[in-house]
Amino acid sequence: MPGLPGGSEWILIGLVVLLLFGGEKLPSLMRGIGKGVGELKAGLEDGKRKLQEAMEEAADKKAE
């Protein structure tokens, strides 16, 4: 099972992406990916918070 790409592989991947999308579209593509990652992180944090609140609520009901 292969691991993550090394330095030279990332350079090759970057060149292929540059050839496919061109230099003008690349910044907007990266911006979109960045927004998606930000939304994913926010969703994960929200899920963790809701899970913690549910656990605390269950513990409170059990203590009663």
PDB file of N, CA and C in Angstrom:
ATOM      1  N   MET A   1       0.849  -1.180   0.000  1.00  0.00           N
ATOM      2  CA  MET A   1       0.000   0.000   0.000  1.00  0.00           C
ATOM      3  C   MET A   1       0.891   1.237   0.000  1.00  0.00           C
ATOM      4  N   PRO A   2       0.798   2.065  -1.030  1.00  0.00           N
ATOM      5  CA  PRO A   2       1.669   3.236  -1.123  1.00  0.00           C
ATOM      6  C   PRO A   2       1.305   4.309  -0.110  1.00  0.00           C
ATOM      7  N   GLY A   3       2.316   5.072   0.273  1.00  0.00           N
ATOM      8  CA  GLY A   3       2.097   6.173   1.209  1.00  0.00           C
ATOM      9  C   GLY A   3       1.824   7.473   0.475  1.00  0.00           C
ATOM     10  N   LEU A   4       2.006   8.569   1.178  1.00  0.00           N
ATOM     11  CA  LEU A   4       1.816   9.888   0.578  1.00  0.00           C
ATOM     12  C   LEU A   4       2.927  10.178  -0.425  1.00  0.00           C
ATOM     13  N   PRO A   5       2.639  10.987  -1.437  1.00  0.00           N
ATOM     14  CA  PRO A   5       3.664  11.323  -2.424  1.00  0.00           C
ATOM     15  C   PRO A   5       4.806  12.113  -1.784  1.00  0.00           C
ATOM     16  N   GLY A   6       5.996  11.904  -2.304  1.00  0.00           N
ATOM     17  CA  GLY A   6       7.174  12.630  -1.831  1.00  0.00           C
ATOM     18  C   GLY A   6       7.313  13.961  -2.559  1.00  0.00           C
ATOM     19  N   GLY A   7       8.451  14.617  -2.382  1.00  0.00           N
ATOM     20  CA  GLY A   7       8.682  15.939  -2.947  1.00  0.00           C
ATOM     21  C   GLY A   7       8.609  15.989  -4.459  1.00  0.00           C
ATOM     22  N   SER A   8       9.293  15.063  -5.124  1.00  0.00           N
ATOM     23  CA  SER A   8       9.296  15.081  -6.587  1.00  0.00           C
ATOM     24  C   SER A   8       7.921  14.738  -7.153  1.00  0.00           C
ATOM     25  N   GLU A   9       7.183  13.865  -6.466  1.00  0.00           N
ATOM     26  CA  GLU A   9       5.837  13.529  -6.932  1.00  0.00           C
ATOM     27  C   GLU A   9       4.911  14.730  -6.841  1.00  0.00           C
ATOM     28  N   TRP A  10       5.036  15.522  -5.770  1.00  0.00           N
ATOM     29  CA  TRP A  10       4.196  16.721  -5.630  1.00  0.00           C
ATOM     30  C   TRP A  10       4.501  17.730  -6.733  1.00  0.00           C
ATOM     31  N   ILE A  11       5.758  17.838  -7.102  1.00  0.00           N
ATOM     32  CA  ILE A  11       6.128  18.750  -8.193  1.00  0.00           C
ATOM     33  C   ILE A  11       5.494  18.281  -9.499  1.00  0.00           C
ATOM     34  N   LEU A  12       5.542  16.980  -9.761  1.00  0.00           N
ATOM     35  CA  LEU A  12       4.929  16.434 -10.964  1.00  0.00           C
ATOM     36  C   LEU A  12       3.413  16.646 -10.952  1.00  0.00           C
ATOM     37  N   ILE A  13       2.781  16.418  -9.821  1.00  0.00           N
ATOM     38  CA  ILE A  13       1.337  16.646  -9.699  1.00  0.00           C
ATOM     39  C   ILE A  13       1.015  18.114  -9.954  1.00  0.00           C
ATOM     40  N   GLY A  14       1.808  19.018  -9.392  1.00  0.00           N
ATOM     41  CA  GLY A  14       1.597  20.447  -9.601  1.00  0.00           C
ATOM     42  C   GLY A  14       1.723  20.845 -11.061  1.00  0.00           C
ATOM     43  N   LEU A  15       2.705  20.278 -11.758  1.00  0.00           N
ATOM     44  CA  LEU A  15       2.872  20.584 -13.176  1.00  0.00           C
ATOM     45  C   LEU A  15       1.698  20.071 -14.006  1.00  0.00           C
ATOM     46  N   VAL A  16       1.204  18.882 -13.675  1.00  0.00           N
ATOM     47  CA  VAL A  16       0.054  18.334 -14.400  1.00  0.00           C
ATOM     48  C   VAL A  16      -1.176  19.212 -14.177  1.00  0.00           C
ATOM     49  N   VAL A  17      -1.400  19.632 -12.937  1.00  0.00           N
ATOM     50  CA  VAL A  17      -2.540  20.506 -12.640  1.00  0.00           C
ATOM     51  C   VAL A  17      -2.399  21.830 -13.388  1.00  0.00           C
ATOM     52  N   LEU A  18      -1.204  22.367 -13.414  1.00  0.00           N
ATOM     53  CA  LEU A  18      -0.958  23.624 -14.124  1.00  0.00           C
ATOM     54  C   LEU A  18      -1.241  23.467 -15.615  1.00  0.00           C
ATOM     55  N   LEU A  19      -0.847  22.346 -16.186  1.00  0.00           N
ATOM     56  CA  LEU A  19      -1.108  22.112 -17.605  1.00  0.00           C
ATOM     57  C   LEU A  19      -2.598  21.919 -17.881  1.00  0.00           C
ATOM     58  N   LEU A  20      -3.295  21.237 -16.979  1.00  0.00           N
ATOM     59  CA  LEU A  20      -4.717  20.970 -17.187  1.00  0.00           C
ATOM     60  C   LEU A  20      -5.577  22.227 -17.045  1.00  0.00           C
ATOM     61  N   PHE A  21      -5.315  23.018 -16.025  1.00  0.00           N
ATOM     62  CA  PHE A  21      -6.185  24.144 -15.714  1.00  0.00           C
ATOM     63  C   PHE A  21      -5.636  25.494 -16.171  1.00  0.00           C
ATOM     64  N   GLY A  22      -4.368  25.584 -16.418  1.00  0.00           N
ATOM     65  CA  GLY A  22      -3.776  26.846 -16.862  1.00  0.00           C
ATOM     66  C   GLY A  22      -3.488  27.767 -15.681  1.00  0.00           C
ATOM     67  N   GLY A  23      -2.623  28.726 -15.909  1.00  0.00           N
ATOM     68  CA  GLY A  23      -2.195  29.632 -14.856  1.00  0.00           C
ATOM     69  C   GLY A  23      -3.268  30.597 -14.397  1.00  0.00           C
ATOM     70  N   GLU A  24      -4.215  30.909 -15.260  1.00  0.00           N
ATOM     71  CA  GLU A  24      -5.241  31.886 -14.893  1.00  0.00           C
ATOM     72  C   GLU A  24      -6.325  31.285 -14.000  1.00  0.00           C
ATOM     73  N   LYS A  25      -6.672  30.030 -14.210  1.00  0.00           N
ATOM     74  CA  LYS A  25      -7.738  29.402 -13.435  1.00  0.00           C
ATOM     75  C   LYS A  25      -7.240  28.792 -12.137  1.00  0.00           C
ATOM     76  N   LEU A  26      -5.950  28.587 -12.017  1.00  0.00           N
ATOM     77  CA  LEU A  26      -5.391  27.924 -10.847  1.00  0.00           C
ATOM     78  C   LEU A  26      -5.679  28.662  -9.537  1.00  0.00           C
ATOM     79  N   PRO A  27      -5.517  29.994  -9.448  1.00  0.00           N
ATOM     80  CA  PRO A  27      -5.830  30.673  -8.181  1.00  0.00           C
ATOM     81  C   PRO A  27      -7.282  30.509  -7.734  1.00  0.00           C
ATOM     82  N   SER A  28      -8.219  30.584  -8.686  1.00  0.00           N
ATOM     83  CA  SER A  28      -9.624  30.424  -8.305  1.00  0.00           C
ATOM     84  C   SER A  28      -9.908  28.981  -7.889  1.00  0.00           C
ATOM     85  N   LEU A  29      -9.253  28.030  -8.517  1.00  0.00           N
ATOM     86  CA  LEU A  29      -9.404  26.630  -8.133  1.00  0.00           C
ATOM     87  C   LEU A  29      -8.895  26.406  -6.709  1.00  0.00           C
ATOM     88  N   MET A  30      -7.735  26.945  -6.407  1.00  0.00           N
ATOM     89  CA  MET A  30      -7.165  26.794  -5.058  1.00  0.00           C
ATOM     90  C   MET A  30      -8.019  27.515  -4.019  1.00  0.00           C
ATOM     91  N   ARG A  31      -8.578  28.669  -4.380  1.00  0.00           N
ATOM     92  CA  ARG A  31      -9.446  29.412  -3.478  1.00  0.00           C
ATOM     93  C   ARG A  31     -10.686  28.582  -3.143  1.00  0.00           C
ATOM     94  N   GLY A  32     -11.251  27.935  -4.144  1.00  0.00           N
ATOM     95  CA  GLY A  32     -12.423  27.083  -3.933  1.00  0.00           C
ATOM     96  C   GLY A  32     -12.099  25.894  -3.039  1.00  0.00           C
ATOM     97  N   ILE A  33     -10.938  25.296  -3.259  1.00  0.00           N
ATOM     98  CA  ILE A  33     -10.523  24.179  -2.407  1.00  0.00           C
ATOM     99  C   ILE A  33     -10.324  24.659  -0.973  1.00  0.00           C
ATOM    100  N   GLY A  34      -9.728  25.823  -0.809  1.00  0.00           N
ATOM    101  CA  GLY A  34      -9.520  26.381   0.529  1.00  0.00           C
ATOM    102  C   GLY A  34     -10.829  26.642   1.255  1.00  0.00           C
ATOM    103  N   LYS A  35     -11.810  27.164   0.544  1.00  0.00           N
ATOM    104  CA  LYS A  35     -13.119  27.410   1.157  1.00  0.00           C
ATOM    105  C   LYS A  35     -13.762  26.092   1.566  1.00  0.00           C
ATOM    106  N   GLY A  36     -13.627  25.079   0.720  1.00  0.00           N
ATOM    107  CA  GLY A  36     -14.194  23.771   1.038  1.00  0.00           C
ATOM    108  C   GLY A  36     -13.558  23.163   2.274  1.00  0.00           C
ATOM    109  N   VAL A  37     -12.250  23.288   2.393  1.00  0.00           N
ATOM    110  CA  VAL A  37     -11.554  22.772   3.565  1.00  0.00           C
ATOM    111  C   VAL A  37     -11.985  23.546   4.812  1.00  0.00           C
ATOM    112  N   GLY A  38     -12.145  24.845   4.685  1.00  0.00           N
ATOM    113  CA  GLY A  38     -12.598  25.660   5.816  1.00  0.00           C
ATOM    114  C   GLY A  38     -13.988  25.259   6.279  1.00  0.00           C
ATOM    115  N   GLU A  39     -14.885  25.021   5.326  1.00  0.00           N
ATOM    116  CA  GLU A  39     -16.237  24.589   5.683  1.00  0.00           C
ATOM    117  C   GLU A  39     -16.224  23.214   6.328  1.00  0.00           C
ATOM    118  N   LEU A  40     -15.373  22.324   5.843  1.00  0.00           N
ATOM    119  CA  LEU A  40     -15.250  20.995   6.435  1.00  0.00           C
ATOM    120  C   LEU A  40     -14.778  21.081   7.885  1.00  0.00           C
ATOM    121  N   LYS A  41     -13.765  21.901   8.134  1.00  0.00           N
ATOM    122  CA  LYS A  41     -13.265  22.068   9.497  1.00  0.00           C
ATOM    123  C   LYS A  41     -14.330  22.662  10.408  1.00  0.00           C
ATOM    124  N   ALA A  42     -15.070  23.643   9.911  1.00  0.00           N
ATOM    125  CA  ALA A  42     -16.127  24.254  10.712  1.00  0.00           C
ATOM    126  C   ALA A  42     -17.212  23.234  11.031  1.00  0.00           C
ATOM    127  N   GLY A  43     -17.567  22.410  10.052  1.00  0.00           N
ATOM    128  CA  GLY A  43     -18.565  21.369  10.277  1.00  0.00           C
ATOM    129  C   GLY A  43     -18.103  20.340  11.290  1.00  0.00           C
ATOM    130  N   LEU A  44     -16.840  19.967  11.233  1.00  0.00           N
ATOM    131  CA  LEU A  44     -16.299  19.015  12.203  1.00  0.00           C
ATOM    132  C   LEU A  44     -16.315  19.589  13.615  1.00  0.00           C
ATOM    133  N   GLU A  45     -15.933  20.850  13.746  1.00  0.00           N
ATOM    134  CA  GLU A  45     -15.947  21.492  15.063  1.00  0.00           C
ATOM    135  C   GLU A  45     -17.369  21.580  15.603  1.00  0.00           C
ATOM    136  N   ASP A  46     -18.332  21.900  14.744  1.00  0.00           N
ATOM    137  CA  ASP A  46     -19.730  21.973  15.157  1.00  0.00           C
ATOM    138  C   ASP A  46     -20.218  20.599  15.615  1.00  0.00           C
ATOM    139  N   GLY A  47     -19.838  19.563  14.879  1.00  0.00           N
ATOM    140  CA  GLY A  47     -20.219  18.208  15.261  1.00  0.00           C
ATOM    141  C   GLY A  47     -19.618  17.805  16.601  1.00  0.00           C
ATOM    142  N   LYS A  48     -18.366  18.156  16.826  1.00  0.00           N
ATOM    143  CA  LYS A  48     -17.712  17.854  18.107  1.00  0.00           C
ATOM    144  C   LYS A  48     -18.424  18.575  19.254  1.00  0.00           C
ATOM    145  N   ARG A  49     -18.775  19.843  19.005  1.00  0.00           N
ATOM    146  CA  ARG A  49     -19.445  20.629  20.041  1.00  0.00           C
ATOM    147  C   ARG A  49     -20.803  20.026  20.381  1.00  0.00           C
ATOM    148  N   LYS A  50     -21.570  19.637  19.362  1.00  0.00           N
ATOM    149  CA  LYS A  50     -22.881  19.049  19.593  1.00  0.00           C
ATOM    150  C   LYS A  50     -22.768  17.705  20.310  1.00  0.00           C
ATOM    151  N   LEU A  51     -21.773  16.915  19.951  1.00  0.00           N
ATOM    152  CA  LEU A  51     -21.558  15.637  20.612  1.00  0.00           C
ATOM    153  C   LEU A  51     -21.209  15.849  22.084  1.00  0.00           C
ATOM    154  N   GLN A  52     -20.353  16.816  22.364  1.00  0.00           N
ATOM    155  CA  GLN A  52     -19.973  17.112  23.746  1.00  0.00           C
ATOM    156  C   GLN A  52     -21.187  17.568  24.548  1.00  0.00           C
ATOM    157  N   GLU A  53     -22.027  18.429  23.959  1.00  0.00           N
ATOM    158  CA  GLU A  53     -23.227  18.897  24.652  1.00  0.00           C
ATOM    159  C   GLU A  53     -24.174  17.739  24.933  1.00  0.00           C
ATOM    160  N   ALA A  54     -24.324  16.821  23.969  1.00  0.00           N
ATOM    161  CA  ALA A  54     -25.205  15.671  24.166  1.00  0.00           C
ATOM    162  C   ALA A  54     -24.675  14.758  25.266  1.00  0.00           C
ATOM    163  N   MET A  55     -23.369  14.588  25.314  1.00  0.00           N
ATOM    164  CA  MET A  55     -22.768  13.748  26.353  1.00  0.00           C
ATOM    165  C   MET A  55     -22.960  14.373  27.729  1.00  0.00           C
ATOM    166  N   GLU A  56     -22.794  15.691  27.815  1.00  0.00           N
ATOM    167  CA  GLU A  56     -22.988  16.374  29.095  1.00  0.00           C
ATOM    168  C   GLU A  56     -24.445  16.298  29.528  1.00  0.00           C
ATOM    169  N   GLU A  57     -25.367  16.443  28.575  1.00  0.00           N
ATOM    170  CA  GLU A  57     -26.783  16.354  28.890  1.00  0.00           C
ATOM    171  C   GLU A  57     -27.145  14.950  29.379  1.00  0.00           C
ATOM    172  N   ALA A  58     -26.595  13.920  28.742  1.00  0.00           N
ATOM    173  CA  ALA A  58     -26.859  12.541  29.155  1.00  0.00           C
ATOM    174  C   ALA A  58     -26.285  12.287  30.540  1.00  0.00           C
ATOM    175  N   ALA A  59     -25.123  12.851  30.824  1.00  0.00           N
ATOM    176  CA  ALA A  59     -24.522  12.670  32.146  1.00  0.00           C
ATOM    177  C   ALA A  59     -25.361  13.367  33.213  1.00  0.00           C
ATOM    178  N   ASP A  60     -25.927  14.534  32.887  1.00  0.00           N
ATOM    179  CA  ASP A  60     -26.785  15.252  33.835  1.00  0.00           C
ATOM    180  C   ASP A  60     -28.054  14.463  34.132  1.00  0.00           C
ATOM    181  N   LYS A  61     -28.654  13.869  33.113  1.00  0.00           N
ATOM    182  CA  LYS A  61     -29.874  13.082  33.304  1.00  0.00           C
ATOM    183  C   LYS A  61     -29.587  11.837  34.114  1.00  0.00           C
ATOM    184  N   LYS A  62     -28.412  11.253  33.920  1.00  0.00           N
ATOM    185  CA  LYS A  62     -28.044  10.052  34.666  1.00  0.00           C
ATOM    186  C   LYS A  62     -27.816  10.385  36.146  1.00  0.00           C
ATOM    187  N   ALA A  63     -27.291  11.575  36.408  1.00  0.00           N
ATOM    188  CA  ALA A  63     -27.013  11.984  37.797  1.00  0.00           C
ATOM    189  C   ALA A  63     -28.295  12.266  38.558  1.00  0.00           C
ATOM    190  N   GLU A  64     -29.383  12.562  37.876  1.00  0.00           N
ATOM    191  CA  GLU A  64     -30.639  12.902  38.556  1.00  0.00           C
ATOM    192  C   GLU A  64     -31.298  11.709  39.111  1.00  0.00           C
TER     193      GLU A  64
END
